[in-house]
């Protein structure tokens, strides 16, 4: 299965019911933290894959399989409101989860920057195959600095929730279904960055 911005690899097993095997190298991934966060979210009523088995020493996990269905093909005029309401309710539940320091690390400036850097390193670089020039890197760094300052001074939880909800709403209103197609049709990276930053700054206003 397609991976994410980390070192984990995912494999769908031919079992009944279907299960997901995860190869998560302990040297690169914090597997105890992964399990602790999943359990904390489930205790809050937030659906995450059930963890059936873990081998912390070798970095193997056995997870519930959420299936093949993706959200986008299910969206239409009749279902859109319901699904987006569910998404926003889940985001709210996430923000209301007790901030236990032993489970959820404090998002200081360094951690925030590391997370936001995934936009350039993984989303643009790995997923879209785009290389940034110096001006574009400088633009990203400037925006990241503004977001960090606003997040820390205005309250992390409120800003993070607002960004996510407004981004979902704005992208839906613009009827952008395929972000890669948008990138190709609207002045390449400059157009994509303009869209994303417009949405983010609107959410902070």
Protein backbone atom coordinates (compact mmCIF):
# COMPACT_ATOMS: atom_id res chain seq x y z
CA UNK A 1 0.00 0.00 0.00
CA UNK A 2 1.04 3.61 -0.49
CA UNK A 3 3.02 4.94 2.46
CA UNK A 4 3.12 8.33 4.13
CA UNK A 5 5.81 10.84 5.01
CA UNK A 6 7.62 8.40 7.29
CA UNK A 7 9.55 5.13 7.14
CA UNK A 8 6.59 2.83 7.74
CA UNK A 9 5.48 0.34 5.07
CA UNK A 10 1.97 -1.05 4.89
CA UNK A 11 0.78 -4.40 3.51
CA UNK A 12 -2.80 -5.63 3.10
CA UNK A 13 -3.07 -9.26 4.20
CA UNK A 14 -5.25 -11.84 2.48
CA UNK A 15 -7.10 -12.75 5.67
CA UNK A 16 -10.72 -12.83 6.81
CA UNK A 17 -11.28 -10.15 7.88
CA UNK A 18 -8.58 -8.28 5.98
CA UNK A 19 -5.78 -6.90 8.15
CA UNK A 20 -2.95 -4.40 7.63
CA UNK A 21 0.62 -5.43 8.48
CA UNK A 22 2.98 -2.57 9.25
CA UNK A 23 6.77 -2.63 9.02
CA UNK A 24 7.81 0.29 11.22
CA UNK A 25 11.60 0.34 11.83
CA UNK A 26 12.22 1.09 15.54
CA UNK A 27 15.36 3.05 14.68
CA UNK A 28 13.35 5.58 12.66
CA UNK A 29 9.84 5.41 14.13
CA UNK A 30 8.58 5.84 17.71
CA UNK A 31 6.23 2.87 17.82
CA UNK A 32 5.32 3.07 21.54
CA UNK A 33 4.21 6.66 20.93
CA UNK A 34 2.19 5.56 17.88
CA UNK A 35 0.32 2.98 19.97
CA UNK A 36 -0.21 5.39 22.89
CA UNK A 37 -1.68 8.07 20.64
CA UNK A 38 -3.98 5.57 18.91
CA UNK A 39 -5.29 4.32 22.24
CA UNK A 40 -5.79 7.86 23.56
CA UNK A 41 -7.77 8.85 20.48
CA UNK A 42 -9.91 5.72 20.66
CA UNK A 43 -10.65 6.48 24.31
CA UNK A 44 -11.94 9.87 23.12
CA UNK A 45 -14.32 8.13 20.70
CA UNK A 46 -12.23 8.93 17.62
CA UNK A 47 -12.05 6.06 15.12
CA UNK A 48 -8.54 4.85 14.43
CA UNK A 49 -7.52 1.36 13.29
CA UNK A 50 -7.64 -1.18 16.11
CA UNK A 51 -4.15 -2.45 16.96
CA UNK A 52 -4.35 -6.23 17.27
CA UNK A 53 -0.67 -7.02 17.84
CA UNK A 54 2.66 -5.21 18.29
CA UNK A 55 6.28 -6.32 18.24
CA UNK A 56 8.14 -3.26 19.51
CA UNK A 57 11.56 -4.94 19.25
CA UNK A 58 11.32 -5.68 15.53
CA UNK A 59 8.88 -2.91 14.65
CA UNK A 60 5.90 -4.91 13.43
CA UNK A 61 2.23 -4.03 13.96
CA UNK A 62 -1.02 -5.72 12.94
CA UNK A 63 -3.89 -3.28 12.39
CA UNK A 64 -7.56 -3.23 11.50
CA UNK A 65 -8.14 -2.68 7.77
CA UNK A 66 -10.42 0.28 7.06
CA UNK A 67 -11.05 -1.04 3.55
CA UNK A 68 -10.72 0.28 0.02
CA UNK A 69 -13.29 3.10 0.03
CA UNK A 70 -12.00 6.66 -0.32
CA UNK A 71 -13.97 9.76 0.58
CA UNK A 72 -13.76 11.62 -2.72
CA UNK A 73 -15.78 9.15 -4.84
CA UNK A 74 -18.53 9.19 -2.19
CA UNK A 75 -19.00 12.97 -2.33
CA UNK A 76 -21.99 14.33 -4.20
CA UNK A 77 -24.62 17.01 -3.70
CA UNK A 78 -26.59 14.79 -1.33
CA UNK A 79 -23.71 13.41 0.76
CA UNK A 80 -21.37 16.41 0.90
CA UNK A 81 -22.90 18.10 3.94
CA UNK A 82 -23.05 14.91 6.00
CA UNK A 83 -19.47 13.85 5.33
CA UNK A 84 -18.00 17.29 5.94
CA UNK A 85 -20.00 17.61 9.14
CA UNK A 86 -18.51 14.30 10.28
CA UNK A 87 -15.02 15.54 9.39
CA UNK A 88 -15.46 18.81 11.29
CA UNK A 89 -16.92 16.95 14.30
CA UNK A 90 -13.87 14.66 14.32
CA UNK A 91 -11.54 17.66 14.16
CA UNK A 92 -13.36 19.18 17.12
CA UNK A 93 -13.06 15.92 19.07
CA UNK A 94 -9.33 15.88 18.31
CA UNK A 95 -8.94 19.40 19.67
CA UNK A 96 -10.84 18.46 22.83
CA UNK A 97 -8.60 15.47 23.59
CA UNK A 98 -6.83 15.94 26.91
CA UNK A 99 -3.29 17.26 26.26
CA UNK A 100 -1.37 14.66 28.27
CA UNK A 101 2.30 15.54 27.93
CA UNK A 102 3.43 11.91 28.15
CA UNK A 103 1.32 11.07 25.07
CA UNK A 104 1.10 14.27 23.05
CA UNK A 105 4.42 16.17 22.88
CA UNK A 106 4.29 19.94 23.22
CA UNK A 107 4.35 21.56 19.78
CA UNK A 108 7.05 24.13 20.29
CA UNK A 109 8.59 26.16 17.46
CA UNK A 110 11.09 23.46 16.48
CA UNK A 111 8.47 20.73 16.27
CA UNK A 112 6.04 22.94 14.39
CA UNK A 113 8.70 23.79 11.84
CA UNK A 114 9.65 20.12 11.42
CA UNK A 115 6.01 19.21 10.76
CA UNK A 116 5.43 22.04 8.31
CA UNK A 117 8.65 21.19 6.47
CA UNK A 118 6.91 18.00 5.32
CA UNK A 119 4.93 20.16 2.89
CA UNK A 120 8.04 20.91 0.87
CA UNK A 121 10.02 17.74 1.56
CA UNK A 122 7.29 15.14 1.17
CA UNK A 123 4.16 16.60 -0.46
CA UNK A 124 5.93 18.68 -3.09
CA UNK A 125 9.16 16.70 -3.36
CA UNK A 126 8.08 13.08 -2.98
CA UNK A 127 4.40 13.10 -3.94
CA UNK A 128 4.36 15.69 -6.74
CA UNK A 129 8.02 15.44 -7.77
CA UNK A 130 8.59 19.21 -7.56
CA UNK A 131 11.93 20.83 -6.74
CA UNK A 132 11.81 24.26 -5.11
CA UNK A 133 14.11 27.08 -6.14
CA UNK A 134 15.64 29.54 -3.67
CA UNK A 135 12.82 32.06 -3.95
CA UNK A 136 10.18 29.41 -3.32
CA UNK A 137 12.08 28.01 -0.34
CA UNK A 138 12.37 31.53 1.05
CA UNK A 139 8.62 32.04 0.57
CA UNK A 140 7.83 28.83 2.42
CA UNK A 141 10.17 29.72 5.28
CA UNK A 142 8.53 33.14 5.64
CA UNK A 143 5.04 31.65 5.75
CA UNK A 144 6.13 28.97 8.23
CA UNK A 145 7.61 31.65 10.52
CA UNK A 146 4.34 33.61 10.45
CA UNK A 147 2.30 30.49 11.18
CA UNK A 148 4.55 29.54 14.10
CA UNK A 149 4.34 32.98 15.66
CA UNK A 150 0.57 33.16 15.24
CA UNK A 151 0.10 29.61 16.51
CA UNK A 152 2.16 30.16 19.64
CA UNK A 153 0.74 33.59 20.49
CA UNK A 154 -2.90 33.05 19.53
CA UNK A 155 -3.30 29.54 20.95
CA UNK A 156 -2.30 26.34 19.21
CA UNK A 157 -5.59 24.50 19.48
CA UNK A 158 -7.81 27.31 18.15
CA UNK A 159 -5.54 28.18 15.24
CA UNK A 160 -4.92 24.56 14.22
CA UNK A 161 -8.63 23.73 14.19
CA UNK A 162 -9.49 26.94 12.34
CA UNK A 163 -6.88 26.30 9.66
CA UNK A 164 -8.12 22.75 9.04
CA UNK A 165 -11.82 23.60 8.93
CA UNK A 166 -11.42 26.73 6.79
CA UNK A 167 -9.06 24.90 4.42
CA UNK A 168 -11.58 22.10 3.92
CA UNK A 169 -14.37 24.62 3.33
CA UNK A 170 -12.38 26.83 0.98
CA UNK A 171 -11.08 23.99 -1.16
CA UNK A 172 -14.59 22.56 -1.38
CA UNK A 173 -16.03 25.93 -2.45
CA UNK A 174 -13.34 26.23 -5.14
CA UNK A 175 -14.33 22.75 -6.35
CA UNK A 176 -10.72 21.59 -6.36
CA UNK A 177 -10.95 17.81 -6.53
CA UNK A 178 -7.47 16.96 -7.77
CA UNK A 179 -4.68 19.12 -6.29
CA UNK A 180 -2.21 17.75 -8.84
CA UNK A 181 -4.48 18.80 -11.71
CA UNK A 182 -4.83 22.24 -10.12
CA UNK A 183 -1.06 22.50 -9.93
CA UNK A 184 -0.69 21.74 -13.64
CA UNK A 185 -3.41 24.15 -14.78
CA UNK A 186 -2.71 27.17 -12.59
CA UNK A 187 0.81 28.51 -13.07
CA UNK A 188 2.55 25.52 -11.54
CA UNK A 189 3.95 25.84 -8.04
CA UNK A 190 3.29 29.57 -7.77
CA UNK A 191 -0.43 29.02 -8.34
CA UNK A 192 -0.57 26.14 -5.87
CA UNK A 193 1.28 28.07 -3.16
CA UNK A 194 -0.90 31.11 -3.74
CA UNK A 195 -4.02 29.02 -3.20
CA UNK A 196 -2.72 27.30 -0.05
CA UNK A 197 -1.35 30.45 1.55
CA UNK A 198 -4.48 32.45 0.74
CA UNK A 199 -6.57 29.81 2.49
CA UNK A 200 -4.21 29.62 5.50
CA UNK A 201 -3.96 33.38 6.02
CA UNK A 202 -7.73 33.75 5.61
CA UNK A 203 -8.16 31.21 8.40
CA UNK A 204 -5.86 33.22 10.68
CA UNK A 205 -7.59 36.52 10.04
